[in-house]
C-alpha cells in the first residue's frame, strides 16, 4: 500500500533548471568577467552530468581560456558554484521560478490523506530551501517527513543512495513509496533502490528515453498524454474524461497496477 511520496526537486517540483540554475550560472560567469554563456541547448547537454560543480568542470575541458592546472580549475568551479547558488536564491525570491502546476495541489492532497512526504534530491540544500520557503512558507520543512539533499549523500543520482537513505529514515519498504522524477538519472536512481517511479517530463528532458517508470506524462496539471492513459474513472472527480489534474487517486491507481506496466512485476 502506498505510504509515501518522494519528490525530486529540479525539474520536478519546478522548472528550476531552465528558468533558475541556467540563468544563475550565466550571471555567475558574468560576475567573474568570464565570456562563457550556456544556452538552453548547452545546458540541456550538461544536465546529463550530475552536480553543478561537475558541470562547470566538464565545460572547462572545452574552454581554451580555462585554467590549465587542475587545482585552479577546482577552485574556480567552487567559486562559480558558490556565486551561482547565491544568484539562484535571488532569482527564486524575485519570483522567477514557480512550482509546476499541479504540484501544490498534490502535496496538499497527500498530506490531507495522511501520506508521508519526502524530498529526495541531490541538489544543494540552500537551493531547496530558497525554492520551498518562497512557495510553501517559512515552515515548509514541517510538511516533509524527510529532506535529503546533495550534502547528505556521498554519491549523487543515478546512484540510489538518496532513495535508500529516505526509505531507512521513513522506515518503509521500497514498494510502499512512489518517487516523482523528471530525468533519466533520477528514474535510474529510484529503480536501483526498487522504488516505483512516476515521471513528469520537464523542459530539459522532454524527449529523453525513460525506462522503468510506472507512468510517464507531461505534468501533474494535465490528464492527457499519460502512459498508461488516464480517464475520468481514475480521477475520482466529475471532470470530463481526460481533463483536470492528476490526483492522488491516479497515483494510487498506477501504484497498485505497477506489476503490469513496469519492471516491478
Protein backbone atom coordinates (compact mmCIF):
# COMPACT_ATOMS: atom_id res chain seq x y z
CA UNK A 1 0.00 0.00 0.00
CA UNK A 2 1.24 3.48 -0.87
CA UNK A 3 2.53 5.29 2.23
CA UNK A 4 4.94 7.95 0.96
CA UNK A 5 5.61 10.28 -1.98
CA UNK A 6 9.31 11.04 -2.56
CA UNK A 7 9.84 14.23 -4.55
CA UNK A 8 12.76 15.17 -6.72
CA UNK A 9 13.23 18.96 -6.90
CA UNK A 10 14.94 20.29 -10.03
CA UNK A 11 12.62 19.86 -12.99
CA UNK A 12 10.02 18.01 -10.91
CA UNK A 13 8.77 20.48 -8.30
CA UNK A 14 9.69 23.41 -10.56
CA UNK A 15 11.39 24.14 -13.89
CA UNK A 16 14.44 25.21 -11.93
CA UNK A 17 16.98 24.09 -14.50
CA UNK A 18 15.75 26.19 -17.42
CA UNK A 19 14.41 29.20 -15.52
CA UNK A 20 16.72 29.29 -12.50
CA UNK A 21 20.02 27.42 -12.47
CA UNK A 22 21.00 28.12 -16.08
CA UNK A 23 20.26 31.83 -15.70
CA UNK A 24 22.17 31.94 -12.40
CA UNK A 25 25.19 30.16 -13.91
CA UNK A 26 25.33 32.74 -16.69
CA UNK A 27 25.15 35.57 -14.18
CA UNK A 28 27.93 33.94 -12.17
CA UNK A 29 30.13 33.77 -15.27
CA UNK A 30 29.40 37.44 -15.94
CA UNK A 31 30.21 38.41 -12.34
CA UNK A 32 33.72 36.97 -12.77
CA UNK A 33 34.21 38.61 -16.20
CA UNK A 34 34.19 35.22 -17.93
CA UNK A 35 32.91 35.16 -21.53
CA UNK A 36 31.11 31.83 -21.07
CA UNK A 37 27.35 31.61 -21.52
CA UNK A 38 25.17 28.50 -21.53
CA UNK A 39 22.26 28.39 -23.94
CA UNK A 40 19.27 26.15 -23.25
CA UNK A 41 20.79 23.60 -25.65
CA UNK A 42 24.20 23.77 -23.96
CA UNK A 43 22.67 23.37 -20.53
CA UNK A 44 20.42 20.55 -21.64
CA UNK A 45 23.50 18.58 -22.67
CA UNK A 46 25.36 19.43 -19.46
CA UNK A 47 22.43 18.17 -17.39
CA UNK A 48 23.48 14.64 -18.31
CA UNK A 49 26.25 15.29 -15.76
CA UNK A 50 25.01 15.31 -12.16
CA UNK A 51 26.08 18.24 -9.98
CA UNK A 52 26.68 21.93 -10.65
CA UNK A 53 30.42 21.97 -9.92
CA UNK A 54 30.80 18.84 -12.02
CA UNK A 55 29.07 20.56 -14.96
CA UNK A 56 31.38 23.57 -14.71
CA UNK A 57 34.45 21.33 -14.69
CA UNK A 58 33.17 19.35 -17.67
CA UNK A 59 32.53 22.57 -19.61
CA UNK A 60 36.02 23.86 -18.78
CA UNK A 61 37.55 20.99 -20.69
CA UNK A 62 36.45 22.62 -23.94
CA UNK A 63 37.46 26.15 -22.94
CA UNK A 64 40.91 27.26 -24.10
CA UNK A 65 40.81 30.14 -21.61
CA UNK A 66 40.08 27.87 -18.61
CA UNK A 67 42.88 27.43 -16.03
CA UNK A 68 45.45 24.88 -17.06
CA UNK A 69 46.07 23.38 -13.62
CA UNK A 70 43.55 21.00 -12.05
CA UNK A 71 43.70 22.73 -8.64
CA UNK A 72 42.98 26.09 -10.25
CA UNK A 73 40.03 24.64 -12.14
CA UNK A 74 38.63 23.15 -8.95
CA UNK A 75 38.99 26.48 -7.14
CA UNK A 76 37.29 28.37 -9.98
CA UNK A 77 34.47 25.83 -10.12
CA UNK A 78 33.88 26.14 -6.37
CA UNK A 79 33.72 29.93 -6.53
CA UNK A 80 31.43 29.94 -9.56
CA UNK A 81 29.13 27.43 -7.90
CA UNK A 82 29.04 29.49 -4.70
CA UNK A 83 28.09 32.59 -6.65
CA UNK A 84 25.57 30.66 -8.73
CA UNK A 85 23.75 29.41 -5.62
CA UNK A 86 23.50 32.96 -4.25
CA UNK A 87 22.23 34.29 -7.56
CA UNK A 88 19.78 31.40 -7.88
CA UNK A 89 18.34 32.22 -4.44
CA UNK A 90 17.88 35.82 -5.58
CA UNK A 91 16.02 34.69 -8.70
CA UNK A 92 13.73 32.49 -6.61
CA UNK A 93 13.00 35.30 -4.14
CA UNK A 94 12.13 37.55 -7.10
CA UNK A 95 9.54 35.00 -8.24
CA UNK A 96 11.37 33.90 -11.38
CA UNK A 97 10.88 30.19 -10.62
CA UNK A 98 7.35 28.91 -9.96
CA UNK A 99 6.25 25.50 -8.77
CA UNK A 100 4.98 23.41 -11.65
CA UNK A 101 1.19 23.41 -11.99
CA UNK A 102 -0.47 20.62 -10.06
CA UNK A 103 2.41 20.24 -7.57
CA UNK A 104 0.97 22.30 -4.67
CA UNK A 105 -2.42 20.63 -5.04
CA UNK A 106 -0.96 17.12 -4.92
CA UNK A 107 1.20 17.97 -1.91
CA UNK A 108 -1.86 19.25 -0.03
CA UNK A 109 -3.96 16.26 -1.10
CA UNK A 110 -1.32 13.75 0.00
CA UNK A 111 -0.88 15.42 3.40
CA UNK A 112 -4.64 15.51 3.95
CA UNK A 113 -4.75 11.77 3.19
CA UNK A 114 -2.05 11.04 5.76
CA UNK A 115 0.75 10.13 3.37
CA UNK A 116 4.36 10.83 4.26
CA UNK A 117 6.22 13.27 2.01
CA UNK A 118 9.93 13.32 1.37
CA UNK A 119 12.42 15.42 -0.58
CA UNK A 120 14.94 13.20 -2.34
CA UNK A 121 17.25 15.40 -4.37
CA UNK A 122 20.97 15.71 -4.89
CA UNK A 123 20.87 19.45 -5.49
CA UNK A 124 22.25 21.77 -2.80
CA UNK A 125 20.25 22.27 0.41
CA UNK A 126 20.43 26.05 0.01
CA UNK A 127 18.70 25.77 -3.38
CA UNK A 128 15.93 23.59 -1.93
CA UNK A 129 15.40 25.93 1.00
CA UNK A 130 15.20 29.00 -1.26
CA UNK A 131 12.61 27.41 -3.55
CA UNK A 132 10.35 25.86 -0.93
CA UNK A 133 10.42 28.77 1.51
CA UNK A 134 9.37 31.05 -1.35
CA UNK A 135 6.41 28.86 -2.31
CA UNK A 136 5.44 26.91 0.84
CA UNK A 137 6.36 29.42 3.54
CA UNK A 138 8.91 29.55 6.33
CA UNK A 139 7.64 26.31 7.88
CA UNK A 140 7.89 24.39 4.61
CA UNK A 141 10.06 21.65 6.15
CA UNK A 142 7.26 20.67 8.55
CA UNK A 143 5.35 19.25 5.57
CA UNK A 144 8.08 16.72 4.85
CA UNK A 145 8.96 13.70 6.97
CA UNK A 146 12.45 13.58 5.44
CA UNK A 147 14.51 16.10 3.48
CA UNK A 148 17.65 14.76 1.81
CA UNK A 149 19.88 16.93 -0.38
CA UNK A 150 23.24 16.74 -2.09
CA UNK A 151 25.17 17.36 1.13
CA UNK A 152 23.54 14.32 2.73
CA UNK A 153 24.87 11.70 0.31
CA UNK A 154 28.27 10.52 -0.85
CA UNK A 155 27.05 9.68 -4.38
CA UNK A 156 24.61 11.67 -6.48
CA UNK A 157 21.90 10.32 -8.78
CA UNK A 158 21.81 7.99 -10.71
CA UNK A 159 23.26 6.33 -7.62
CA UNK A 160 20.34 5.11 -5.42
CA UNK A 161 21.83 6.36 -2.12
CA UNK A 162 19.38 9.24 -1.62
CA UNK A 163 16.42 6.87 -2.00
CA UNK A 164 17.91 4.20 0.23
CA UNK A 165 18.51 6.81 2.93
CA UNK A 166 14.95 8.12 2.60
CA UNK A 167 13.45 4.64 2.96
CA UNK A 168 15.57 3.99 6.04
CA UNK A 169 14.57 7.30 7.62
CA UNK A 170 10.87 6.68 6.95
CA UNK A 171 11.13 3.01 8.00
CA UNK A 172 9.22 1.79 4.98
CA UNK A 173 9.90 -0.67 2.20
CA UNK A 174 10.58 0.47 -1.37
CA UNK A 175 7.21 -0.70 -2.69
CA UNK A 176 5.42 1.41 -0.06
CA UNK A 177 6.81 4.56 -1.70
CA UNK A 178 6.39 6.34 -5.01
CA UNK A 179 9.14 8.56 -6.40
CA UNK A 180 8.28 11.52 -8.63
CA UNK A 181 11.08 12.39 -11.07
CA UNK A 182 11.68 14.12 -14.40
CA UNK A 183 15.06 12.85 -15.63
CA UNK A 184 16.54 9.51 -16.72
CA UNK A 185 19.17 9.77 -13.99
CA UNK A 186 16.56 10.29 -11.31
CA UNK A 187 14.48 7.39 -12.62
CA UNK A 188 17.58 5.18 -12.64
CA UNK A 189 18.29 6.10 -9.00
CA UNK A 190 14.75 5.23 -7.90
CA UNK A 191 14.70 1.99 -9.86
CA UNK A 192 18.07 0.94 -8.42
CA UNK A 193 16.54 1.37 -4.95
CA UNK A 194 13.49 -0.64 -6.15
CA UNK A 195 11.20 2.36 -5.59
CA UNK A 196 8.37 2.68 -8.15
CA UNK A 197 8.73 5.95 -10.03
CA UNK A 198 6.40 8.36 -11.83
CA UNK A 199 7.83 10.71 -14.47
CA UNK A 200 6.53 14.24 -15.07
CA UNK A 201 8.52 15.32 -18.10
CA UNK A 202 10.34 18.65 -17.78
CA UNK A 203 11.57 21.10 -20.40
CA UNK A 204 15.12 19.81 -20.22
CA UNK A 205 14.21 16.13 -20.54
CA UNK A 206 11.10 16.38 -22.70
CA UNK A 207 12.21 13.80 -25.27
CA UNK A 208 14.62 11.57 -23.37
CA UNK A 209 14.11 7.84 -23.31
CA UNK A 210 12.97 6.74 -19.85
CA UNK A 211 12.85 3.12 -18.81
CA UNK A 212 11.27 1.52 -15.76
CA UNK A 213 8.67 4.14 -14.77
CA UNK A 214 5.17 3.04 -13.79
CA UNK A 215 3.74 6.11 -15.58
CA UNK A 216 5.09 8.92 -17.77
CA UNK A 217 3.29 12.14 -18.60
CA UNK A 218 3.55 15.86 -19.34
CA UNK A 219 2.92 17.10 -15.79
CA UNK A 220 0.61 16.84 -12.81
CA UNK A 221 -1.63 19.59 -14.19
CA UNK A 222 -2.64 17.59 -17.27
CA UNK A 223 -4.55 14.30 -17.56
CA UNK A 224 -3.95 13.97 -21.30
CA UNK A 225 -0.78 12.47 -22.69
CA UNK A 226 -0.03 9.93 -19.96
CA UNK A 227 1.22 6.39 -20.43
CA UNK A 228 -0.68 4.42 -19.17
CA UNK A 229 -3.58 6.73 -20.08
CA UNK A 230 -5.90 8.33 -17.56
CA UNK A 231 -9.65 8.77 -17.80
CA UNK A 232 -12.47 10.05 -15.66
CA UNK A 233 -12.81 6.74 -13.83
CA UNK A 234 -9.30 7.15 -12.47
CA UNK A 235 -9.69 10.76 -11.40
CA UNK A 236 -12.17 10.39 -8.57
CA UNK A 237 -13.84 13.56 -9.87
CA UNK A 238 -16.76 14.63 -12.02
CA UNK A 239 -14.47 16.10 -14.69
CA UNK A 240 -14.88 15.10 -18.28
CA UNK A 241 -12.58 12.26 -19.23
CA UNK A 242 -9.04 13.48 -19.86
CA UNK A 243 -9.46 16.91 -18.24
CA UNK A 244 -8.29 18.30 -14.93
CA UNK A 245 -5.15 17.49 -12.96
CA UNK A 246 -3.54 14.26 -11.86
CA UNK A 247 -4.80 13.30 -8.39
CA UNK A 248 -3.69 11.10 -5.54
CA UNK A 249 -6.29 8.59 -6.72
CA UNK A 250 -4.42 8.38 -10.02
CA UNK A 251 -1.12 7.77 -8.29
CA UNK A 252 -2.66 5.02 -6.20
CA UNK A 253 -4.20 3.55 -9.35
CA UNK A 254 -0.80 3.37 -11.07
CA UNK A 255 0.93 2.17 -7.92
CA UNK A 256 -1.42 -0.76 -7.39
CA UNK A 257 -1.12 -1.77 -11.04
CA UNK A 258 2.64 -1.36 -11.35
CA UNK A 259 3.17 -5.09 -11.92
CA UNK A 260 1.60 -4.77 -15.38
CA UNK A 261 3.21 -1.51 -16.51
CA UNK A 262 6.84 -1.62 -15.40
CA UNK A 263 9.79 -3.71 -14.36
CA UNK A 264 8.39 -4.00 -10.82
CA UNK A 265 6.37 -7.11 -11.70
